[in-house]
Protein backbone atom coordinates (compact mmCIF):
# COMPACT_ATOMS: atom_id res chain seq x y z
CA MET A 1 0.00 0.09 -0.06
CA ARG A 2 2.58 2.68 1.02
CA ALA A 3 4.91 1.53 -2.05
CA ASN A 4 2.09 1.79 -4.26
CA PHE A 5 1.34 5.33 -2.71
CA LEU A 6 4.87 6.73 -3.14
CA LEU A 7 4.93 5.90 -6.90
CA ALA A 8 1.61 7.65 -7.43
CA LEU A 9 3.28 10.35 -5.99
CA LEU A 10 6.25 10.19 -7.98
CA GLY A 11 4.51 9.92 -11.11
CA LEU A 12 2.55 13.35 -10.17
CA SER A 13 5.42 15.13 -8.88
CA LEU A 14 7.14 14.57 -12.39
CA LEU A 15 3.58 15.84 -14.10
CA LEU A 16 4.05 18.84 -11.80
CA GLY A 17 7.87 19.99 -12.68
CA GLN A 18 8.80 21.28 -15.81
CA PRO A 19 6.71 20.59 -18.92
CA ALA A 20 9.36 19.06 -21.15
CA VAL A 21 9.66 15.50 -21.58
CA ALA A 22 13.37 14.02 -21.23
CA ALA A 23 14.55 11.96 -24.10
CA THR A 24 16.51 9.83 -21.16
CA SER A 25 14.65 8.74 -17.69
CA LEU A 26 15.71 7.61 -14.48
CA LYS A 27 15.01 4.21 -12.98
CA LEU A 28 15.69 3.28 -9.23
CA ASP A 29 15.86 -0.18 -7.98
CA LYS A 30 18.14 -2.34 -5.38
CA ALA A 31 20.89 -2.02 -7.43
CA GLY A 32 20.92 1.69 -7.54
CA LEU A 33 19.82 4.63 -10.07
CA HIS A 34 20.04 3.73 -13.68
CA LEU A 35 19.98 6.11 -16.68
CA LEU A 36 18.25 4.94 -19.53
CA ASP A 37 17.72 6.13 -23.15
CA GLU A 38 14.47 6.13 -24.90
CA ASN A 39 14.70 2.58 -25.68
CA GLY A 40 15.17 1.42 -22.23
CA ARG A 41 18.77 0.74 -22.73
CA GLU A 42 21.49 1.98 -19.56
CA LEU A 43 23.46 4.66 -20.46
CA ASP A 44 25.09 4.90 -17.04
CA SER A 45 24.13 3.90 -13.16
CA LEU A 46 24.74 5.30 -9.58
CA LYS A 47 25.25 2.58 -6.94
CA LEU A 48 23.42 3.33 -3.80
CA ARG A 49 20.77 1.52 -1.75
CA ALA A 50 17.64 4.16 -1.70
CA LYS A 51 14.05 3.92 -0.80
CA ARG A 52 12.96 7.39 -1.07
CA TRP A 53 13.70 9.78 -4.05
CA ASP A 54 11.98 12.45 -6.13
CA GLN A 55 12.91 13.96 -9.70
CA ARG A 56 12.47 16.89 -11.82
CA VAL A 57 12.55 16.80 -15.66
CA GLU A 58 14.48 20.07 -16.76
CA GLY A 59 14.57 19.59 -20.51
CA SER A 60 15.07 17.25 -23.13
CA HIS A 61 18.25 15.90 -21.96
CA GLU A 62 18.83 16.86 -17.98
CA THR A 63 16.73 15.62 -14.77
CA VAL A 64 17.46 16.60 -11.49
CA ALA A 65 16.83 14.11 -8.61
CA VAL A 66 17.70 13.68 -5.07
CA LEU A 67 17.77 10.55 -2.93
CA LEU A 68 18.24 9.57 0.59
CA ASP A 69 21.20 7.34 0.81
CA ALA A 70 19.70 4.36 3.14
CA ASP A 71 23.02 3.45 4.68
CA ARG A 72 24.61 6.93 5.28
CA GLY A 73 20.85 8.95 5.99
CA ARG A 74 22.04 11.70 3.79
CA PRO A 75 20.29 13.15 0.41
CA VAL A 76 22.24 12.81 -2.51
CA LEU A 77 21.76 15.20 -5.81
CA VAL A 78 22.15 13.76 -8.95
CA ARG A 79 21.79 15.33 -12.43
CA SER A 80 21.58 13.62 -15.64
CA GLU A 81 23.62 15.80 -18.38
CA GLY A 82 23.25 13.76 -21.80
CA ARG A 83 24.32 10.19 -21.40
CA ILE A 84 26.19 10.47 -17.70
CA LEU A 85 24.86 10.89 -13.99
CA LEU A 86 26.69 13.39 -11.83
CA ALA A 87 26.04 12.98 -8.27
CA ARG A 88 27.16 15.03 -5.34
CA ASP A 89 26.48 14.73 -1.49
CA LEU A 90 24.10 17.13 0.20
CA PRO A 91 24.30 17.85 4.10
CA GLU A 92 23.55 15.14 6.25
CA PRO A 93 20.35 16.36 8.51
CA THR A 94 19.96 16.50 11.69
CA PHE A 95 16.52 14.33 12.31
CA ALA A 96 15.45 11.08 10.93
CA VAL A 97 13.85 11.67 7.15
CA ASP A 98 10.86 9.85 6.35
CA ALA A 99 9.91 11.59 3.04
CA LEU A 100 11.53 14.29 0.47
CA CYS A 101 10.96 16.40 -2.62
CA LEU A 102 11.84 18.67 -4.73
CA HIS A 103 10.31 21.96 -5.79
CA ARG A 104 11.13 24.85 -8.18
CA ASP A 105 10.00 28.06 -7.39
CA PRO A 106 8.63 31.21 -9.33
CA GLN A 107 12.42 32.47 -9.44
CA GLY A 108 13.40 29.47 -10.65
CA LEU A 109 15.53 28.01 -7.99
CA LEU A 110 15.69 24.66 -6.32
CA HIS A 111 14.40 23.83 -3.32
CA LEU A 112 14.46 20.22 -0.88
CA PHE A 113 11.81 19.64 1.44
CA LEU A 114 13.40 17.12 4.27
CA LEU A 115 10.13 15.54 6.13
CA GLY A 116 11.19 13.91 9.66
CA GLU A 117 9.33 11.06 11.30
CA GLU A 118 8.78 13.22 14.33
CA GLY A 119 7.10 16.43 12.31
CA LEU A 120 10.18 18.00 12.38
CA SER A 121 10.72 19.08 9.02
CA GLU A 122 13.14 21.58 6.89
CA GLN A 123 12.97 23.36 3.41
CA TRP A 124 16.54 23.51 2.20
CA LEU A 125 17.88 26.12 -1.00
CA ILE A 126 19.80 24.28 -3.25
CA THR A 127 22.64 26.06 -5.56
CA ASP A 128 25.93 25.54 -7.09
CA LYS A 129 27.63 25.97 -3.86
CA GLY A 130 25.60 23.36 -1.95
CA ALA A 131 22.34 23.14 0.32
CA ARG A 132 21.28 25.83 3.04
CA THR A 133 18.51 25.48 5.62
CA LEU A 134 15.94 28.15 4.59
CA ARG A 135 13.64 27.46 7.08
CA ARG A 136 11.96 25.00 9.66
CA LEU A 137 8.64 23.40 9.49
CA ALA A 138 6.17 21.30 11.33
CA THR A 139 4.69 18.54 9.23
CA ALA A 140 2.50 15.33 9.76
CA PRO A 141 4.74 12.72 12.13
CA SER A 142 5.47 9.61 10.19
CA PRO A 143 4.47 11.16 6.66
CA GLU A 144 3.75 8.60 3.98
CA GLY A 145 5.25 10.67 1.02
CA CYS A 146 5.18 13.92 -0.46
CA ARG A 147 5.00 15.75 -3.54
CA VAL A 148 4.96 19.49 -4.28
CA ASP A 149 2.34 21.42 -6.95
CA ASP A 150 5.10 24.00 -8.46
CA ARG A 151 2.03 26.11 -10.07
CA ARG A 152 0.13 26.11 -6.63
CA GLN A 153 3.11 26.35 -4.66
CA VAL A 154 2.04 24.05 -2.27
CA LEU A 155 3.64 20.92 -0.46
CA GLN A 156 1.41 17.59 -0.05
CA VAL A 157 2.12 15.47 2.91
CA HIS A 158 -0.18 12.63 3.44
CA GLU A 159 -0.85 11.67 6.93
CA ALA A 160 -2.15 8.14 7.50
CA GLY A 161 -5.57 7.82 8.73
CA LEU A 162 -6.32 11.69 8.45
CA GLY A 163 -5.70 12.88 5.17
CA LEU A 164 -3.44 14.90 2.77
CA TRP A 165 -1.88 18.23 4.09
CA GLU A 166 -1.45 21.32 2.03
CA HIS A 167 1.52 23.59 3.14
CA GLY A 168 2.75 26.75 1.36
CA THR A 169 6.08 26.11 -0.18
CA GLU A 170 6.82 30.08 -0.06
CA ALA A 171 9.28 30.48 2.85
CA GLU A 172 8.68 34.14 3.67
CA GLY A 173 5.61 35.14 5.94
CA LYS A 174 3.70 32.81 8.30
CA PRO A 175 3.57 28.83 7.83
CA GLN A 176 0.46 28.02 6.05
CA ARG A 177 -1.11 24.68 6.05
CA ARG A 178 -4.59 23.08 5.87
CA LEU A 179 -6.19 19.84 5.64
CA VAL A 180 -7.60 19.03 2.38
CA LYS A 181 -11.28 18.27 1.78
CA VAL A 182 -12.67 16.76 -1.07
CA PRO A 183 -15.84 18.27 -2.05
CA SER A 184 -18.93 15.95 -2.54
CA LYS A 185 -19.01 16.40 -6.13
CA GLY A 186 -15.57 15.30 -6.47
CA LYS A 187 -14.01 18.87 -7.77
CA ALA A 188 -10.58 20.05 -6.56
CA GLU A 189 -10.59 23.08 -4.71
CA PRO A 190 -9.46 26.37 -6.22
CA ALA A 191 -6.13 27.84 -5.58
CA PRO A 192 -6.51 31.06 -4.19
CA LYS A 193 -5.97 34.33 -6.22
CA ARG A 194 -2.95 35.79 -5.76
CA TYR A 195 -1.61 39.22 -7.75
CA ASP A 196 2.07 38.16 -9.53
CA TRP A 197 4.59 41.23 -9.20
CA PRO A 198 8.22 40.95 -10.51
CA VAL A 199 10.60 39.20 -8.23
CA LEU A 200 13.73 41.48 -7.09
CA GLN A 201 16.37 40.48 -4.79
CA ALA A 202 17.90 42.44 -1.91
CA THR A 203 21.59 43.17 -2.51
CA ALA A 204 22.30 43.55 1.38
CA GLN A 205 21.04 42.93 4.75
CA THR A 206 21.45 44.38 8.27
CA ASP A 207 22.60 42.23 10.86
CA PRO A 208 19.76 40.63 12.84
CA VAL A 209 18.42 42.45 15.79
CA GLU A 210 19.13 40.92 19.42
CA ARG A 211 15.51 40.14 19.79
CA LEU A 212 13.27 37.24 18.85
CA GLY A 213 9.55 37.42 17.57
CA ASP A 214 8.19 40.68 16.18
CA ALA A 215 10.93 43.03 16.94
CA ALA A 216 12.43 44.95 14.10
CA ASP A 217 10.21 47.69 12.65
CA ASP A 218 11.07 50.86 10.94
CA PRO A 219 14.00 52.07 9.14
CA ALA A 220 15.22 55.68 8.25
CA ILE A 221 17.63 56.50 5.85
CA TRP A 222 20.34 59.42 6.83
CA LEU A 223 22.91 61.01 4.21
CA HIS A 224 26.22 61.67 4.79
CA PRO A 225 26.86 65.49 3.70
CA LEU A 226 30.34 64.55 2.24
CA ASP A 227 30.73 60.89 1.42
CA ALA A 228 27.26 59.06 0.43
CA SER A 229 29.10 55.68 1.37
CA ARG A 230 29.57 56.43 5.03
CA SER A 231 25.75 57.14 5.32
CA ARG A 232 23.67 55.17 7.70
CA VAL A 233 20.27 53.62 8.24
CA LEU A 234 18.50 54.01 11.36
CA GLY A 235 16.33 50.84 12.55
CA THR A 236 13.89 50.23 15.80
CA ASN A 237 13.75 47.37 17.36
CA LYS A 238 10.60 47.54 19.26
CA LYS A 239 11.96 45.39 22.36
CA GLN A 240 15.11 47.08 22.78
CA GLY A 241 15.77 50.61 20.98
CA LEU A 242 17.38 52.34 18.09
CA LEU A 243 19.77 50.77 15.99
CA THR A 244 22.11 52.38 13.35
CA TYR A 245 23.59 50.35 10.40
CA ASP A 246 26.31 51.37 7.79
CA LEU A 247 25.56 50.64 3.84
CA SER A 248 27.16 47.13 4.27
CA GLY A 249 24.16 46.64 7.17
CA ARG A 250 26.77 46.23 9.88
CA GLU A 251 25.51 47.58 12.90
CA GLN A 252 27.34 50.63 14.48
CA GLN A 253 24.97 51.77 17.25
CA LEU A 254 22.59 50.45 19.65
CA LEU A 255 20.47 52.84 22.02
CA GLU A 256 18.53 50.72 24.28
CA VAL A 257 16.08 53.60 25.11
CA GLY A 258 12.85 51.41 25.46
CA ARG A 259 9.89 50.09 23.19
CA ILE A 260 10.27 52.54 20.18
CA ASN A 261 8.14 51.76 17.08
CA ASN A 262 8.45 54.11 14.30
CA VAL A 263 11.17 56.26 13.28
CA ASP A 264 11.58 58.90 10.59
CA LEU A 265 14.36 61.99 10.30
CA ARG A 266 14.80 65.25 8.38
CA GLN A 267 18.37 66.91 7.74
CA ARG A 268 19.24 70.65 7.95
CA ILE A 269 16.55 71.48 10.26
CA GLN A 270 16.60 75.14 11.45
CA ALA A 271 16.24 75.52 15.16
CA GLY A 272 17.56 77.97 17.70
CA GLY A 273 19.98 80.03 15.23
CA LYS A 274 21.82 76.22 14.31
CA THR A 275 21.31 73.64 11.79
CA TRP A 276 20.41 70.28 13.21
CA ASP A 277 19.79 66.88 11.68
CA LEU A 278 16.92 65.31 13.43
CA ALA A 279 14.97 61.94 14.26
CA VAL A 280 11.97 61.10 16.06
CA ALA A 281 10.71 58.05 17.34
CA THR A 282 7.39 57.01 19.10
CA GLN A 283 8.38 55.89 22.75
CA ARG A 284 5.20 53.54 23.26
CA ASP A 285 5.86 53.03 27.12
CA GLU A 286 5.56 57.00 27.76
CA ASN A 287 3.28 57.94 24.69
CA SER A 288 6.04 60.58 23.74
CA LEU A 289 8.21 61.54 21.00
CA LEU A 290 11.96 60.52 21.53
CA LEU A 291 13.98 62.85 20.01
CA PHE A 292 17.53 62.32 18.64
CA GLY A 293 20.22 64.35 17.29
CA ILE A 294 22.75 63.21 14.31
CA ASP A 295 26.26 64.22 14.03
CA ALA A 296 28.26 64.86 10.72
CA GLU A 297 29.81 61.00 11.06
CA GLY A 298 26.16 59.67 11.75
CA ARG A 299 26.60 58.92 15.36
CA VAL A 300 22.88 59.27 17.00
CA SER A 301 22.48 60.66 20.36
CA GLU A 302 19.16 61.27 22.76
CA LEU A 303 18.21 64.95 23.11
CA ALA A 304 15.08 64.94 24.46
CA ARG A 305 11.67 63.15 25.50
CA LEU A 306 8.56 65.04 24.39
CA PRO A 307 5.09 64.33 25.55
CA THR A 308 1.80 63.84 23.75
CA ASP A 309 -2.02 63.45 25.46
CA LEU A 310 -2.24 60.18 23.04
CA THR A 311 -3.10 57.05 24.93
CA ASP A 312 -1.73 54.65 22.75
CA ILE A 313 0.90 56.41 20.32
CA TYR A 314 1.90 53.99 17.72
CA GLY A 315 3.01 55.36 14.24
CA LEU A 316 4.96 58.17 12.96
CA CYS A 317 6.66 60.33 10.30
CA VAL A 318 8.04 63.80 10.12
CA GLY A 319 8.19 66.60 7.67
CA ARG A 320 10.21 69.98 7.02
CA THR A 321 8.31 72.89 6.48
CA PRO A 322 8.78 75.37 3.62
CA ASP A 323 10.79 77.64 5.92
CA GLY A 324 12.98 74.33 7.31
CA GLN A 325 11.36 74.01 10.52
CA LEU A 326 10.13 70.19 11.65
CA ASP A 327 6.83 69.26 11.71
CA VAL A 328 5.78 65.47 13.60
CA PHE A 329 2.94 63.35 12.93
CA PRO A 330 2.27 60.57 15.62
CA ASN A 331 -0.58 58.58 15.60
CA ASP A 332 -2.67 56.63 17.91
CA LYS A 333 -4.24 53.09 17.65
CA ASP A 334 -7.65 54.65 18.07
CA GLY A 335 -7.26 56.46 14.90
CA ARG A 336 -6.00 60.21 16.01
CA VAL A 337 -3.58 61.78 14.14
CA GLN A 338 -1.78 65.03 15.45
CA GLN A 339 0.70 67.50 14.19
CA TYR A 340 3.44 68.49 16.54
CA ARG A 341 5.99 71.16 15.76
CA VAL A 342 9.59 70.46 17.68
CA GLU A 343 11.65 73.49 18.54
CA LEU A 344 13.77 75.12 20.94
CA ASN A 345 12.02 77.29 23.29
CA PRO A 346 13.79 80.63 24.78
CA GLN A 347 15.49 78.58 27.34
CA GLY A 348 17.16 76.31 24.89
CA GLN A 349 14.73 73.07 25.69
CA TRP A 350 13.30 71.14 23.23
CA GLN A 351 9.72 71.24 22.82
CA ALA A 352 6.56 69.76 21.00
CA ARG A 353 4.08 71.89 20.42
CA LEU A 354 0.52 70.66 19.29
CA LEU A 355 -0.55 72.53 15.86
CA ARG A 356 -3.82 70.45 14.85
CA ALA A 357 -5.34 67.22 15.12
CA PHE A 358 -7.68 64.91 12.94
CA LYS A 359 -8.83 61.43 13.37
CA LEU A 360 -9.54 58.45 10.70
CA SER A 361 -12.16 55.40 11.63
CA SER A 362 -9.63 53.14 12.54
CA GLN A 363 -6.15 52.07 13.26
CA PRO A 364 -3.34 53.76 11.12
CA GLU A 365 0.51 53.49 11.48
CA GLY A 366 2.48 54.53 8.27
CA CYS A 367 3.07 57.37 7.12
CA VAL A 368 4.96 60.27 5.04
CA VAL A 369 5.31 63.94 3.82
CA HIS A 370 5.62 65.15 0.44
CA GLU A 371 7.27 68.05 1.43
CA ALA A 372 7.67 69.76 -2.24
CA GLU A 373 3.69 69.19 -2.48
CA GLN A 374 2.98 69.71 1.22
CA ARG A 375 1.08 67.03 1.25
CA LEU A 376 0.67 64.17 4.22
CA PHE A 377 -0.18 60.34 3.27
CA VAL A 378 -1.21 58.06 5.96
CA GLY A 379 -1.83 54.24 5.85
CA GLU A 380 -4.94 52.76 7.62
CA GLU A 381 -4.06 49.60 8.10
CA LYS A 382 -7.50 47.96 7.41
CA ARG A 383 -8.89 50.79 4.66
CA GLY A 384 -6.24 52.13 2.60
CA ILE A 385 -4.12 55.25 2.03
CA TRP A 386 -5.18 58.72 2.61
CA ALA A 387 -3.89 62.34 1.37
CA VAL A 388 -4.14 65.16 4.02
CA ASP A 389 -2.93 68.39 3.43
CA ALA A 390 0.32 68.74 5.38
CA ARG A 391 0.15 72.75 5.98
CA ALA A 392 -1.02 73.01 9.90
CA GLU A 393 -3.11 76.18 9.17
CA VAL A 394 -5.22 74.30 6.66
CA PRO A 395 -8.17 72.21 7.90
CA ALA A 396 -7.54 68.65 7.38
CA LYS A 397 -9.91 66.68 4.80
CA PRO A 398 -8.59 63.24 4.17
CA GLN A 399 -9.21 62.20 0.94
CA LEU A 400 -8.79 58.09 -0.30
CA VAL A 401 -5.99 57.74 -2.39
CA MET A 402 -6.08 53.97 -2.92
CA PRO A 403 -8.58 51.35 -0.78
CA VAL A 404 -7.29 48.17 0.18
CA GLY A 405 -8.22 45.50 -2.68
CA ALA A 406 -6.85 42.87 -5.27
CA GLU A 407 -3.24 44.78 -5.16
CA LEU A 408 -3.31 46.67 -1.49
CA GLN A 409 -4.00 43.91 0.82
CA PRO A 410 -4.21 45.11 4.48
CA ASP A 411 -2.28 45.49 6.79
CA VAL A 412 -1.29 48.68 4.95
CA GLU A 413 2.03 49.57 6.80
CA GLY A 414 4.93 51.33 5.88
CA LEU A 415 5.14 54.60 3.46
CA ALA A 416 7.69 56.41 2.07
CA LEU A 417 8.57 58.93 -1.02
CA TYR A 418 10.77 58.62 -3.53
CA GLN A 419 11.82 62.22 -4.51
CA GLY A 420 12.72 62.67 -7.82
CA LYS A 421 14.87 65.00 -9.35
CA PRO A 422 13.78 68.54 -10.52
CA GLY A 423 11.24 67.87 -13.70
CA ALA A 424 10.99 64.27 -12.71
CA PRO A 425 8.14 62.21 -11.29
CA SER A 426 8.13 61.38 -7.51
CA TYR A 427 6.60 58.16 -6.27
CA LEU A 428 5.02 57.10 -3.00
CA LEU A 429 6.17 53.40 -2.16
CA VAL A 430 3.80 51.46 0.16
CA SER A 431 4.28 47.96 2.18
CA SER A 432 1.18 45.55 1.04
CA GLN A 433 1.71 43.37 4.14
CA GLY A 434 -1.15 41.25 3.28
CA ASN A 435 0.72 39.79 -0.04
CA HIS A 436 3.90 40.54 0.81
CA SER A 437 4.53 43.05 -1.80
CA TYR A 438 5.49 46.54 -2.36
CA LEU A 439 3.33 48.97 -4.53
CA VAL A 440 4.53 52.10 -6.31
CA LEU A 441 2.03 55.07 -6.95
CA ASP A 442 2.52 58.41 -8.35
CA ALA A 443 2.97 61.01 -5.62
CA LYS A 444 0.96 63.24 -7.48
CA PRO A 445 -2.74 63.27 -8.49
CA PRO A 446 -4.50 61.26 -9.40
CA PHE A 447 -2.04 59.02 -7.64
CA ALA A 448 -2.02 56.37 -10.51
CA LEU A 449 -0.67 52.85 -9.45
CA ARG A 450 2.60 52.32 -11.67
CA GLY A 451 2.77 48.68 -10.39
CA GLY A 452 4.40 46.41 -7.60
CA PHE A 453 7.09 43.96 -6.75
CA ARG A 454 8.53 41.30 -4.35
CA ILE A 455 11.68 40.78 -2.68
CA GLY A 456 12.52 37.34 -3.27
CA ILE A 457 15.58 35.26 -2.61
CA ASN A 458 19.25 36.26 -3.59
CA ALA A 459 20.91 32.77 -3.73
CA GLN A 460 24.19 34.09 -4.76
CA LEU A 461 24.40 36.17 -1.68
CA GLY A 462 22.74 34.06 0.68
CA ILE A 463 20.30 36.46 1.22
CA ASP A 464 16.20 35.52 2.11
CA GLY A 465 13.25 37.34 0.62
CA THR A 466 11.24 39.39 2.76
CA SER A 467 7.65 39.13 4.25
CA GLU A 468 5.06 41.15 6.00
CA THR A 469 6.86 44.05 5.78
CA ASP A 470 6.17 46.46 8.69
CA GLY A 471 8.23 49.91 8.04
CA LEU A 472 10.14 50.95 4.81
CA ASP A 473 11.83 53.87 3.92
CA VAL A 474 13.68 55.15 0.27
CA SER A 475 15.85 57.96 -0.93
CA SER A 476 16.71 59.33 -4.25
CA ALA A 477 20.21 60.33 -3.39
CA ASP A 478 23.38 58.84 -5.07
CA PHE A 479 24.84 56.54 -2.55
CA GLY A 480 27.26 55.18 -5.33
CA GLY A 481 27.55 51.55 -6.72
CA LEU A 482 24.37 49.44 -6.81
CA TYR A 483 22.44 52.33 -5.02
CA GLY A 484 23.49 55.44 -7.66
CA GLN A 485 19.69 55.99 -8.14
CA GLY A 486 18.90 55.61 -4.81
CA LEU A 487 18.20 53.13 -1.86
CA ILE A 488 15.30 50.84 -0.45
CA VAL A 489 15.49 49.78 2.96
CA VAL A 490 12.77 47.45 4.15
CA GLN A 491 12.05 45.26 7.44
CA ASP A 492 11.52 41.91 6.81
CA GLY A 493 8.91 40.17 9.10
CA HIS A 494 10.82 36.27 8.84
CA LYS A 495 14.27 35.96 8.57
CA ARG A 496 15.15 33.16 6.62
CA LEU A 497 18.43 31.07 5.20
CA PRO A 498 18.71 30.18 8.18
CA ASP A 499 15.55 30.89 10.46
CA GLY A 500 16.53 33.88 12.96
CA PRO A 501 16.04 37.22 14.49
CA GLN A 502 14.35 40.11 12.10
CA ASN A 503 16.32 42.74 9.97
CA PHE A 504 16.42 45.07 7.18
CA LYS A 505 16.96 44.33 3.48
CA TYR A 506 18.74 46.74 1.18
CA LEU A 507 17.71 47.13 -2.60
CA PRO A 508 18.56 49.49 -5.21
CA TRP A 509 16.12 51.90 -6.60
CA SER A 510 17.48 51.12 -10.19
CA GLU A 511 15.84 47.84 -9.91
CA VAL A 512 12.32 49.09 -9.33
CA THR A 513 12.69 51.39 -12.08
CA LYS A 514 13.85 48.34 -14.91
CA ALA A 515 11.06 46.07 -13.64
CA LEU A 516 8.28 48.71 -13.82
CA LYS A 517 9.74 50.89 -16.39
CA LEU A 518 9.60 54.19 -14.39
CA ARG A 519 11.19 57.19 -15.54
């Protein structure tokens, strides 16, 4: 019974791989693995004892297979190239493997699922350099077999006496699984709809934060006044404090200032007859604004804690007024958005003066100010993106820019503005957390959607993709090299390759320009 089931799974897995039919074929028996021509004659063979294997047809003369060596307990990757077999050992798993199967993801990358007999399983990324653990996952104990539907991106695992489990193959995001139920009419359940955007690759990532779970949240980019390569990225760890990183992602500072959520900054602010680079973060334990100064070398220091009358402070953004002052827009989970002017009083003390307030019907968080247009964009997590006049003397009348829907899926999280050069378009960048993607809209009415993208695995650099992004930032400054047209920094909700504490990923704006055909 078990053997028949495994054979059926193997046949289905071949159908679910690449559509090309190989002129050669593979056969496994007690003597080992055999490469056969179209007439069944043996071309090559590999002597090993294996009971578990899977294969993918990759072209008219190539097949990739993985077998579990029964004597050594480790997987072996085999490729047929023409008339020969090429084999190499993969790392030895740290658990007893009951089933294994291959998967080609939408990026064309090869994955291997190793299912443990006790339900502790792993997903590996296979490259020319070897195999690396991408993530751990929980599956049915003592599985009777597995297969992957590449098109639907689901791993199917059979559990005796219960049925067939389907797990999402995408490593990013929270693990998803369901027990398949066969409808009474015998029709398969439809695959869930998804909006497909181009998949880009991060070119750098920061050191992980020091706290597990939902910790990293929001970044902000600071441009060095003389040498852009020495710029800094500020990032919040909402379980610890504020961090700074260089453009390679190495941690430079940790300020343990408590439970801060969002951070934003502006440079060349005029206050007290001096010019300042200032960053502001929301301090959730105190419902206050935490003000930081940034010196000419990018060193950050705390300047003041400024109280607000919010009761559950959450998100925040800042903007520079036409005369060079700093306005701060914190929000509350109850929907309130306030506008403060941060300034030095005659005694030389920092203060936050409330200018105006308005309220959305539900919880906001991300926001950004388009200073050239004096427009504030606010993300209401469950409803969409709003635009409001940023001038304090004008009544706040929010207008809906984009509601949640097929492209923009809740939660609506981070918002950032790519400020184009004079005469060039500016763009609003939005984190669509519900489908692990990022949207690009015109920053001027009618706020047309220019497209979206996702961030996938960069196998060459060993950087995982991103998912469930909270905060993000973008700068159009020339940082040199890959970032000559600008830099995007996004929070990654699930650190993979391998699993670990969250971090931030860097992406060149030029890749977005190319993928979405922007100008």
